[in-house]
Amino acid sequence: MYQEIVDDLVETRCSSAISGELILFESDELNMIFQAELEKGNEVVEETSWPPKCKKLVILKNRFQISYEIDNVDYRKIQDPHYWDSEYSTYDKTECLVCK
């Protein structure tokens, strides 16, 4: 199932609401969460990096619609209005999907 979602992402060339560029994580699990959020109406606010570790940071406009229990990603509740509410990231923190 995970691979089907990732394949669909690649096939449909899911694009950022901001830049029109392809946003795909190297992590299949983050791609699944990202796709699910877009399908539920969430929107991309920003695509950037968060040095020193996070090479790909995607910020979503709204809080995550559901709680995702997926292996190979970490979930953290940040609750810092200056930054973001919560995040899913790879274990090594090189890729992060966060919500406002």
PDB file of N, CA and C in Angstrom:
ATOM      1  N   MET A   1       0.817  -1.195   0.000  1.00  0.00           N
ATOM      2  CA  MET A   1       0.000   0.000   0.000  1.00  0.00           C
ATOM      3  C   MET A   1       0.861   1.259   0.000  1.00  0.00           C
ATOM      4  N   TYR A   2       1.925   1.266   0.823  1.00  0.00           N
ATOM      5  CA  TYR A   2       2.789   2.438   0.883  1.00  0.00           C
ATOM      6  C   TYR A   2       3.371   2.757  -0.489  1.00  0.00           C
ATOM      7  N   GLN A   3       3.841   1.714  -1.167  1.00  0.00           N
ATOM      8  CA  GLN A   3       4.479   1.923  -2.460  1.00  0.00           C
ATOM      9  C   GLN A   3       3.483   2.451  -3.483  1.00  0.00           C
ATOM     10  N   GLU A   4       2.225   2.020  -3.410  1.00  0.00           N
ATOM     11  CA  GLU A   4       1.204   2.510  -4.334  1.00  0.00           C
ATOM     12  C   GLU A   4       1.026   4.014  -4.195  1.00  0.00           C
ATOM     13  N   ILE A   5       1.006   4.491  -2.961  1.00  0.00           N
ATOM     14  CA  ILE A   5       0.844   5.932  -2.738  1.00  0.00           C
ATOM     15  C   ILE A   5       2.043   6.693  -3.283  1.00  0.00           C
ATOM     16  N   VAL A   6       3.242   6.182  -3.013  1.00  0.00           N
ATOM     17  CA  VAL A   6       4.448   6.845  -3.513  1.00  0.00           C
ATOM     18  C   VAL A   6       4.452   6.821  -5.037  1.00  0.00           C
ATOM     19  N   ASP A   7       4.093   5.684  -5.625  1.00  0.00           N
ATOM     20  CA  ASP A   7       4.033   5.603  -7.085  1.00  0.00           C
ATOM     21  C   ASP A   7       3.034   6.610  -7.649  1.00  0.00           C
ATOM     22  N   ASP A   8       1.882   6.751  -6.987  1.00  0.00           N
ATOM     23  CA  ASP A   8       0.885   7.725  -7.421  1.00  0.00           C
ATOM     24  C   ASP A   8       1.433   9.152  -7.344  1.00  0.00           C
ATOM     25  N   LEU A   9       2.217   9.416  -6.295  1.00  0.00           N
ATOM     26  CA  LEU A   9       2.825  10.739  -6.155  1.00  0.00           C
ATOM     27  C   LEU A   9       3.729  11.043  -7.342  1.00  0.00           C
ATOM     28  N   VAL A  10       4.567  10.096  -7.663  1.00  0.00           N
ATOM     29  CA  VAL A  10       5.501  10.290  -8.765  1.00  0.00           C
ATOM     30  C   VAL A  10       4.731  10.418 -10.073  1.00  0.00           C
ATOM     31  N   GLU A  11       3.749   9.555 -10.270  1.00  0.00           N
ATOM     32  CA  GLU A  11       2.996   9.528 -11.516  1.00  0.00           C
ATOM     33  C   GLU A  11       2.230  10.825 -11.743  1.00  0.00           C
ATOM     34  N   THR A  12       1.601  11.345 -10.720  1.00  0.00           N
ATOM     35  CA  THR A  12       0.797  12.551 -10.887  1.00  0.00           C
ATOM     36  C   THR A  12       1.618  13.829 -10.761  1.00  0.00           C
ATOM     37  N   ARG A  13       2.887  13.692 -10.408  1.00  0.00           N
ATOM     38  CA  ARG A  13       3.778  14.844 -10.284  1.00  0.00           C
ATOM     39  C   ARG A  13       3.190  15.889  -9.353  1.00  0.00           C
ATOM     40  N   CYS A  14       2.852  15.442  -8.140  1.00  0.00           N
ATOM     41  CA  CYS A  14       2.269  16.316  -7.124  1.00  0.00           C
ATOM     42  C   CYS A  14       3.149  17.545  -6.950  1.00  0.00           C
ATOM     43  N   SER A  15       2.564  18.725  -7.077  1.00  0.00           N
ATOM     44  CA  SER A  15       3.365  19.939  -7.045  1.00  0.00           C
ATOM     45  C   SER A  15       3.036  20.807  -5.848  1.00  0.00           C
ATOM     46  N   SER A  16       4.014  21.581  -5.469  1.00  0.00           N
ATOM     47  CA  SER A  16       3.875  22.508  -4.359  1.00  0.00           C
ATOM     48  C   SER A  16       2.904  23.615  -4.712  1.00  0.00           C
ATOM     49  N   ALA A  17       2.100  23.996  -3.738  1.00  0.00           N
ATOM     50  CA  ALA A  17       1.159  25.094  -3.942  1.00  0.00           C
ATOM     51  C   ALA A  17       1.905  26.422  -4.083  1.00  0.00           C
ATOM     52  N   ILE A  18       3.146  26.448  -3.668  1.00  0.00           N
ATOM     53  CA  ILE A  18       3.908  27.693  -3.707  1.00  0.00           C
ATOM     54  C   ILE A  18       4.733  27.819  -4.984  1.00  0.00           C
ATOM     55  N   SER A  19       5.583  26.853  -5.245  1.00  0.00           N
ATOM     56  CA  SER A  19       6.553  27.009  -6.324  1.00  0.00           C
ATOM     57  C   SER A  19       6.220  26.240  -7.586  1.00  0.00           C
ATOM     58  N   GLY A  20       5.255  25.349  -7.526  1.00  0.00           N
ATOM     59  CA  GLY A  20       4.949  24.534  -8.682  1.00  0.00           C
ATOM     60  C   GLY A  20       5.964  23.432  -8.899  1.00  0.00           C
ATOM     61  N   GLU A  21       6.925  23.289  -7.981  1.00  0.00           N
ATOM     62  CA  GLU A  21       7.954  22.261  -8.110  1.00  0.00           C
ATOM     63  C   GLU A  21       7.488  20.970  -7.453  1.00  0.00           C
ATOM     64  N   LEU A  22       8.074  19.898  -7.899  1.00  0.00           N
ATOM     65  CA  LEU A  22       7.776  18.590  -7.339  1.00  0.00           C
ATOM     66  C   LEU A  22       8.294  18.514  -5.908  1.00  0.00           C
ATOM     67  N   ILE A  23       7.439  18.108  -4.990  1.00  0.00           N
ATOM     68  CA  ILE A  23       7.877  17.890  -3.613  1.00  0.00           C
ATOM     69  C   ILE A  23       7.759  16.416  -3.330  1.00  0.00           C
ATOM     70  N   LEU A  24       8.855  15.766  -3.208  1.00  0.00           N
ATOM     71  CA  LEU A  24       8.876  14.361  -2.824  1.00  0.00           C
ATOM     72  C   LEU A  24       9.985  14.158  -1.809  1.00  0.00           C
ATOM     73  N   PHE A  25       9.643  13.522  -0.739  1.00  0.00           N
ATOM     74  CA  PHE A  25      10.641  13.166   0.251  1.00  0.00           C
ATOM     75  C   PHE A  25      11.354  11.897  -0.199  1.00  0.00           C
ATOM     76  N   GLU A  26      12.545  11.703   0.263  1.00  0.00           N
ATOM     77  CA  GLU A  26      13.210  10.425   0.038  1.00  0.00           C
ATOM     78  C   GLU A  26      12.524   9.336   0.857  1.00  0.00           C
ATOM     79  N   SER A  27      11.944   9.719   1.965  1.00  0.00           N
ATOM     80  CA  SER A  27      11.247   8.796   2.850  1.00  0.00           C
ATOM     81  C   SER A  27       9.858   8.454   2.297  1.00  0.00           C
ATOM     82  N   ASP A  28       9.633   7.178   2.031  1.00  0.00           N
ATOM     83  CA  ASP A  28       8.315   6.737   1.571  1.00  0.00           C
ATOM     84  C   ASP A  28       7.240   7.059   2.606  1.00  0.00           C
ATOM     85  N   GLU A  29       7.591   6.922   3.879  1.00  0.00           N
ATOM     86  CA  GLU A  29       6.626   7.160   4.943  1.00  0.00           C
ATOM     87  C   GLU A  29       6.200   8.620   5.003  1.00  0.00           C
ATOM     88  N   LEU A  30       7.143   9.536   4.855  1.00  0.00           N
ATOM     89  CA  LEU A  30       6.776  10.959   4.831  1.00  0.00           C
ATOM     90  C   LEU A  30       5.955  11.287   3.593  1.00  0.00           C
ATOM     91  N   ASN A  31       6.261  10.647   2.483  1.00  0.00           N
ATOM     92  CA  ASN A  31       5.450  10.838   1.276  1.00  0.00           C
ATOM     93  C   ASN A  31       4.007  10.405   1.510  1.00  0.00           C
ATOM     94  N   MET A  32       3.816   9.315   2.235  1.00  0.00           N
ATOM     95  CA  MET A  32       2.458   8.830   2.516  1.00  0.00           C
ATOM     96  C   MET A  32       1.689   9.825   3.375  1.00  0.00           C
ATOM     97  N   ILE A  33       2.341  10.337   4.411  1.00  0.00           N
ATOM     98  CA  ILE A  33       1.691  11.309   5.290  1.00  0.00           C
ATOM     99  C   ILE A  33       1.382  12.580   4.508  1.00  0.00           C
ATOM    100  N   PHE A  34       2.346  13.046   3.743  1.00  0.00           N
ATOM    101  CA  PHE A  34       2.187  14.250   2.930  1.00  0.00           C
ATOM    102  C   PHE A  34       1.002  14.114   1.975  1.00  0.00           C
ATOM    103  N   GLN A  35       0.943  13.008   1.254  1.00  0.00           N
ATOM    104  CA  GLN A  35      -0.144  12.781   0.309  1.00  0.00           C
ATOM    105  C   GLN A  35      -1.493  12.740   1.024  1.00  0.00           C
ATOM    106  N   ALA A  36      -1.551  12.040   2.158  1.00  0.00           N
ATOM    107  CA  ALA A  36      -2.805  11.938   2.914  1.00  0.00           C
ATOM    108  C   ALA A  36      -3.272  13.321   3.359  1.00  0.00           C
ATOM    109  N   GLU A  37      -2.352  14.164   3.799  1.00  0.00           N
ATOM    110  CA  GLU A  37      -2.713  15.509   4.240  1.00  0.00           C
ATOM    111  C   GLU A  37      -3.229  16.361   3.075  1.00  0.00           C
ATOM    112  N   LEU A  38      -2.581  16.264   1.932  1.00  0.00           N
ATOM    113  CA  LEU A  38      -3.055  17.006   0.765  1.00  0.00           C
ATOM    114  C   LEU A  38      -4.448  16.548   0.363  1.00  0.00           C
ATOM    115  N   GLU A  39      -4.687  15.245   0.404  1.00  0.00           N
ATOM    116  CA  GLU A  39      -5.998  14.711   0.049  1.00  0.00           C
ATOM    117  C   GLU A  39      -7.078  15.172   1.022  1.00  0.00           C
ATOM    118  N   LYS A  40      -6.699  15.465   2.267  1.00  0.00           N
ATOM    119  CA  LYS A  40      -7.651  15.928   3.278  1.00  0.00           C
ATOM    120  C   LYS A  40      -7.805  17.451   3.249  1.00  0.00           C
ATOM    121  N   GLY A  41      -7.146  18.110   2.297  1.00  0.00           N
ATOM    122  CA  GLY A  41      -7.326  19.546   2.127  1.00  0.00           C
ATOM    123  C   GLY A  41      -6.248  20.421   2.731  1.00  0.00           C
ATOM    124  N   ASN A  42      -5.254  19.833   3.369  1.00  0.00           N
ATOM    125  CA  ASN A  42      -4.166  20.638   3.913  1.00  0.00           C
ATOM    126  C   ASN A  42      -3.361  21.220   2.754  1.00  0.00           C
ATOM    127  N   GLU A  43      -2.659  22.316   3.001  1.00  0.00           N
ATOM    128  CA  GLU A  43      -1.929  23.018   1.954  1.00  0.00           C
ATOM    129  C   GLU A  43      -0.494  23.274   2.376  1.00  0.00           C
ATOM    130  N   VAL A  44       0.383  23.339   1.388  1.00  0.00           N
ATOM    131  CA  VAL A  44       1.786  23.658   1.634  1.00  0.00           C
ATOM    132  C   VAL A  44       1.924  25.163   1.820  1.00  0.00           C
ATOM    133  N   VAL A  45       2.577  25.557   2.905  1.00  0.00           N
ATOM    134  CA  VAL A  45       2.858  26.969   3.169  1.00  0.00           C
ATOM    135  C   VAL A  45       4.268  27.316   2.707  1.00  0.00           C
ATOM    136  N   GLU A  46       5.195  26.388   2.943  1.00  0.00           N
ATOM    137  CA  GLU A  46       6.594  26.676   2.615  1.00  0.00           C
ATOM    138  C   GLU A  46       7.355  25.371   2.430  1.00  0.00           C
ATOM    139  N   GLU A  47       8.311  25.426   1.528  1.00  0.00           N
ATOM    140  CA  GLU A  47       9.274  24.338   1.344  1.00  0.00           C
ATOM    141  C   GLU A  47      10.653  24.951   1.490  1.00  0.00           C
ATOM    142  N   THR A  48      11.449  24.414   2.409  1.00  0.00           N
ATOM    143  CA  THR A  48      12.750  25.007   2.695  1.00  0.00           C
ATOM    144  C   THR A  48      13.642  23.939   3.320  1.00  0.00           C
ATOM    145  N   SER A  49      14.671  24.371   4.008  1.00  0.00           N
ATOM    146  CA  SER A  49      15.515  23.485   4.805  1.00  0.00           C
ATOM    147  C   SER A  49      15.595  24.070   6.211  1.00  0.00           C
ATOM    148  N   TRP A  50      16.091  23.295   7.143  1.00  0.00           N
ATOM    149  CA  TRP A  50      16.220  23.749   8.527  1.00  0.00           C
ATOM    150  C   TRP A  50      17.577  23.287   9.029  1.00  0.00           C
ATOM    151  N   PRO A  51      18.644  24.033   8.682  1.00  0.00           N
ATOM    152  CA  PRO A  51      19.996  23.622   9.049  1.00  0.00           C
ATOM    153  C   PRO A  51      20.161  23.499  10.565  1.00  0.00           C
ATOM    154  N   PRO A  52      21.028  22.662  11.027  1.00  0.00           N
ATOM    155  CA  PRO A  52      22.057  22.000  10.238  1.00  0.00           C
ATOM    156  C   PRO A  52      21.641  20.637   9.674  1.00  0.00           C
ATOM    157  N   LYS A  53      20.633  19.988  10.254  1.00  0.00           N
ATOM    158  CA  LYS A  53      20.324  18.620   9.828  1.00  0.00           C
ATOM    159  C   LYS A  53      19.271  18.511   8.735  1.00  0.00           C
ATOM    160  N   CYS A  54      18.171  19.214   8.883  1.00  0.00           N
ATOM    161  CA  CYS A  54      17.019  19.004   8.015  1.00  0.00           C
ATOM    162  C   CYS A  54      17.244  19.625   6.637  1.00  0.00           C
ATOM    163  N   LYS A  55      17.420  18.760   5.640  1.00  0.00           N
ATOM    164  CA  LYS A  55      17.671  19.224   4.280  1.00  0.00           C
ATOM    165  C   LYS A  55      16.383  19.523   3.523  1.00  0.00           C
ATOM    166  N   LYS A  56      15.276  18.913   3.933  1.00  0.00           N
ATOM    167  CA  LYS A  56      13.979  19.177   3.308  1.00  0.00           C
ATOM    168  C   LYS A  56      12.951  19.358   4.414  1.00  0.00           C
ATOM    169  N   LEU A  57      12.412  20.566   4.483  1.00  0.00           N
ATOM    170  CA  LEU A  57      11.379  20.907   5.455  1.00  0.00           C
ATOM    171  C   LEU A  57      10.163  21.393   4.671  1.00  0.00           C
ATOM    172  N   VAL A  58       9.032  20.726   4.874  1.00  0.00           N
ATOM    173  CA  VAL A  58       7.787  21.138   4.249  1.00  0.00           C
ATOM    174  C   VAL A  58       6.827  21.525   5.370  1.00  0.00           C
ATOM    175  N   ILE A  59       6.316  22.757   5.301  1.00  0.00           N
ATOM    176  CA  ILE A  59       5.411  23.272   6.326  1.00  0.00           C
ATOM    177  C   ILE A  59       3.996  23.297   5.765  1.00  0.00           C
ATOM    178  N   LEU A  60       3.082  22.654   6.481  1.00  0.00           N
ATOM    179  CA  LEU A  60       1.677  22.626   6.085  1.00  0.00           C
ATOM    180  C   LEU A  60       0.901  23.706   6.816  1.00  0.00           C
ATOM    181  N   LYS A  61      -0.131  24.214   6.186  1.00  0.00           N
ATOM    182  CA  LYS A  61      -0.925  25.333   6.703  1.00  0.00           C
ATOM    183  C   LYS A  61      -1.688  24.977   7.979  1.00  0.00           C
ATOM    184  N   ASN A  62      -2.288  23.796   8.004  1.00  0.00           N
ATOM    185  CA  ASN A  62      -3.132  23.397   9.135  1.00  0.00           C
ATOM    186  C   ASN A  62      -2.519  22.229   9.900  1.00  0.00           C
ATOM    187  N   ARG A  63      -3.033  22.015  11.086  1.00  0.00           N
ATOM    188  CA  ARG A  63      -2.562  20.882  11.881  1.00  0.00           C
ATOM    189  C   ARG A  63      -2.867  19.573  11.171  1.00  0.00           C
ATOM    190  N   PHE A  64      -2.100  18.550  11.513  1.00  0.00           N
ATOM    191  CA  PHE A  64      -2.324  17.245  10.910  1.00  0.00           C
ATOM    192  C   PHE A  64      -3.755  16.808  11.176  1.00  0.00           C
ATOM    193  N   GLN A  65      -4.390  16.284  10.139  1.00  0.00           N
ATOM    194  CA  GLN A  65      -5.798  15.906  10.212  1.00  0.00           C
ATOM    195  C   GLN A  65      -6.028  14.676  11.082  1.00  0.00           C
ATOM    196  N   ILE A  66      -5.091  13.751  11.060  1.00  0.00           N
ATOM    197  CA  ILE A  66      -5.186  12.547  11.890  1.00  0.00           C
ATOM    198  C   ILE A  66      -3.806  12.229  12.450  1.00  0.00           C
ATOM    199  N   SER A  67      -3.769  11.282  13.370  1.00  0.00           N
ATOM    200  CA  SER A  67      -2.507  10.808  13.918  1.00  0.00           C
ATOM    201  C   SER A  67      -2.055   9.610  13.090  1.00  0.00           C
ATOM    202  N   TYR A  68      -0.839   9.673  12.592  1.00  0.00           N
ATOM    203  CA  TYR A  68      -0.303   8.609  11.756  1.00  0.00           C
ATOM    204  C   TYR A  68       0.628   7.734  12.578  1.00  0.00           C
ATOM    205  N   GLU A  69       0.360   6.458  12.617  1.00  0.00           N
ATOM    206  CA  GLU A  69       1.214   5.516  13.333  1.00  0.00           C
ATOM    207  C   GLU A  69       1.959   4.703  12.288  1.00  0.00           C
ATOM    208  N   ILE A  70       3.098   5.212  11.888  1.00  0.00           N
ATOM    209  CA  ILE A  70       3.879   4.623  10.806  1.00  0.00           C
ATOM    210  C   ILE A  70       5.302   4.393  11.294  1.00  0.00           C
ATOM    211  N   ASP A  71       5.840   3.226  10.957  1.00  0.00           N
ATOM    212  CA  ASP A  71       7.230   2.924  11.302  1.00  0.00           C
ATOM    213  C   ASP A  71       8.182   3.818  10.511  1.00  0.00           C
ATOM    214  N   ASN A  72       9.367   3.950  11.009  1.00  0.00           N
ATOM    215  CA  ASN A  72      10.469   4.657  10.353  1.00  0.00           C
ATOM    216  C   ASN A  72      10.353   6.178  10.351  1.00  0.00           C
ATOM    217  N   VAL A  73       9.428   6.741  11.106  1.00  0.00           N
ATOM    218  CA  VAL A  73       9.374   8.193  11.296  1.00  0.00           C
ATOM    219  C   VAL A  73       9.140   8.497  12.767  1.00  0.00           C
ATOM    220  N   ASP A  74       9.634   9.640  13.180  1.00  0.00           N
ATOM    221  CA  ASP A  74       9.411  10.138  14.537  1.00  0.00           C
ATOM    222  C   ASP A  74       8.298  11.171  14.506  1.00  0.00           C
ATOM    223  N   TYR A  75       7.498  11.196  15.562  1.00  0.00           N
ATOM    224  CA  TYR A  75       6.479  12.233  15.725  1.00  0.00           C
ATOM    225  C   TYR A  75       6.827  13.028  16.973  1.00  0.00           C
ATOM    226  N   ARG A  76       6.754  14.349  16.861  1.00  0.00           N
ATOM    227  CA  ARG A  76       6.963  15.216  18.024  1.00  0.00           C
ATOM    228  C   ARG A  76       5.909  16.296  18.046  1.00  0.00           C
ATOM    229  N   LYS A  77       5.369  16.535  19.223  1.00  0.00           N
ATOM    230  CA  LYS A  77       4.431  17.637  19.443  1.00  0.00           C
ATOM    231  C   LYS A  77       5.272  18.811  19.946  1.00  0.00           C
ATOM    232  N   ILE A  78       5.404  19.856  19.168  1.00  0.00           N
ATOM    233  CA  ILE A  78       6.254  21.000  19.496  1.00  0.00           C
ATOM    234  C   ILE A  78       5.456  22.063  20.249  1.00  0.00           C
ATOM    235  N   GLN A  79       4.303  22.416  19.737  1.00  0.00           N
ATOM    236  CA  GLN A  79       3.400  23.423  20.299  1.00  0.00           C
ATOM    237  C   GLN A  79       4.090  24.758  20.578  1.00  0.00           C
ATOM    238  N   ASP A  80       4.851  25.210  19.606  1.00  0.00           N
ATOM    239  CA  ASP A  80       5.503  26.507  19.702  1.00  0.00           C
ATOM    240  C   ASP A  80       4.911  27.392  18.606  1.00  0.00           C
ATOM    241  N   PRO A  81       4.098  28.381  18.961  1.00  0.00           N
ATOM    242  CA  PRO A  81       3.433  29.201  17.949  1.00  0.00           C
ATOM    243  C   PRO A  81       4.405  29.936  17.025  1.00  0.00           C
ATOM    244  N   HIS A  82       5.625  30.166  17.484  1.00  0.00           N
ATOM    245  CA  HIS A  82       6.614  30.831  16.638  1.00  0.00           C
ATOM    246  C   HIS A  82       7.093  29.902  15.512  1.00  0.00           C
ATOM    247  N   TYR A  83       7.159  28.616  15.790  1.00  0.00           N
ATOM    248  CA  TYR A  83       7.637  27.655  14.809  1.00  0.00           C
ATOM    249  C   TYR A  83       6.475  26.832  14.248  1.00  0.00           C
ATOM    250  N   TRP A  84       6.106  25.746  14.918  1.00  0.00           N
ATOM    251  CA  TRP A  84       5.012  24.910  14.439  1.00  0.00           C
ATOM    252  C   TRP A  84       4.434  24.080  15.561  1.00  0.00           C
ATOM    253  N   ASP A  85       3.295  23.449  15.258  1.00  0.00           N
ATOM    254  CA  ASP A  85       2.573  22.663  16.254  1.00  0.00           C
ATOM    255  C   ASP A  85       3.175  21.279  16.442  1.00  0.00           C
ATOM    256  N   SER A  86       3.390  20.556  15.346  1.00  0.00           N
ATOM    257  CA  SER A  86       3.920  19.197  15.454  1.00  0.00           C
ATOM    258  C   SER A  86       4.651  18.821  14.176  1.00  0.00           C
ATOM    259  N   GLU A  87       5.393  17.709  14.256  1.00  0.00           N
ATOM    260  CA  GLU A  87       6.199  17.305  13.113  1.00  0.00           C
ATOM    261  C   GLU A  87       6.348  15.799  13.027  1.00  0.00           C
ATOM    262  N   TYR A  88       6.501  15.344  11.804  1.00  0.00           N
ATOM    263  CA  TYR A  88       6.941  13.988  11.512  1.00  0.00           C
ATOM    264  C   TYR A  88       8.282  14.138  10.813  1.00  0.00           C
ATOM    265  N   SER A  89       9.253  13.321  11.208  1.00  0.00           N
ATOM    266  CA  SER A  89      10.571  13.417  10.591  1.00  0.00           C
ATOM    267  C   SER A  89      11.201  12.040  10.484  1.00  0.00           C
ATOM    268  N   THR A  90      12.193  11.959   9.615  1.00  0.00           N
ATOM    269  CA  THR A  90      12.983  10.740   9.538  1.00  0.00           C
ATOM    270  C   THR A  90      13.781  10.621  10.834  1.00  0.00           C
ATOM    271  N   TYR A  91      14.223   9.412  11.152  1.00  0.00           N
ATOM    272  CA  TYR A  91      14.974   9.212  12.391  1.00  0.00           C
ATOM    273  C   TYR A  91      16.223  10.077  12.450  1.00  0.00           C
ATOM    274  N   ASP A  92      16.861  10.287  11.305  1.00  0.00           N
ATOM    275  CA  ASP A  92      18.081  11.096  11.305  1.00  0.00           C
ATOM    276  C   ASP A  92      17.803  12.598  11.173  1.00  0.00           C
ATOM    277  N   LYS A  93      16.525  12.961  11.113  1.00  0.00           N
ATOM    278  CA  LYS A  93      16.070  14.366  11.065  1.00  0.00           C
ATOM    279  C   LYS A  93      16.491  15.109   9.797  1.00  0.00           C
ATOM    280  N   THR A  94      16.795  14.392   8.716  1.00  0.00           N
ATOM    281  CA  THR A  94      17.185  15.064   7.473  1.00  0.00           C
ATOM    282  C   THR A  94      15.984  15.517   6.659  1.00  0.00           C
ATOM    283  N   GLU A  95      14.802  14.968   6.968  1.00  0.00           N
ATOM    284  CA  GLU A  95      13.579  15.373   6.288  1.00  0.00           C
ATOM    285  C   GLU A  95      12.482  15.552   7.330  1.00  0.00           C
ATOM    286  N   CYS A  96      11.725  16.652   7.204  1.00  0.00           N
ATOM    287  CA  CYS A  96      10.682  16.959   8.181  1.00  0.00           C
ATOM    288  C   CYS A  96       9.433  17.463   7.486  1.00  0.00           C
ATOM    289  N   LEU A  97       8.298  16.970   7.948  1.00  0.00           N
ATOM    290  CA  LEU A  97       6.990  17.449   7.528  1.00  0.00           C
ATOM    291  C   LEU A  97       6.339  18.011   8.781  1.00  0.00           C
ATOM    292  N   VAL A  98       6.037  19.304   8.761  1.00  0.00           N
ATOM    293  CA  VAL A  98       5.528  19.967   9.965  1.00  0.00           C
ATOM    294  C   VAL A  98       4.216  20.682   9.662  1.00  0.00           C
ATOM    295  N   CYS A  99       3.479  20.988  10.719  1.00  0.00           N
ATOM    296  CA  CYS A  99       2.221  21.712  10.535  1.00  0.00           C
ATOM    297  C   CYS A  99       2.144  22.877  11.499  1.00  0.00           C
ATOM    298  N   LYS A 100       1.463  23.922  11.063  1.00  0.00           N
ATOM    299  CA  LYS A 100       1.314  25.154  11.852  1.00  0.00           C
ATOM    300  C   LYS A 100       0.381  24.978  13.015  1.00  0.00           C
TER     301      LYS A 100
END
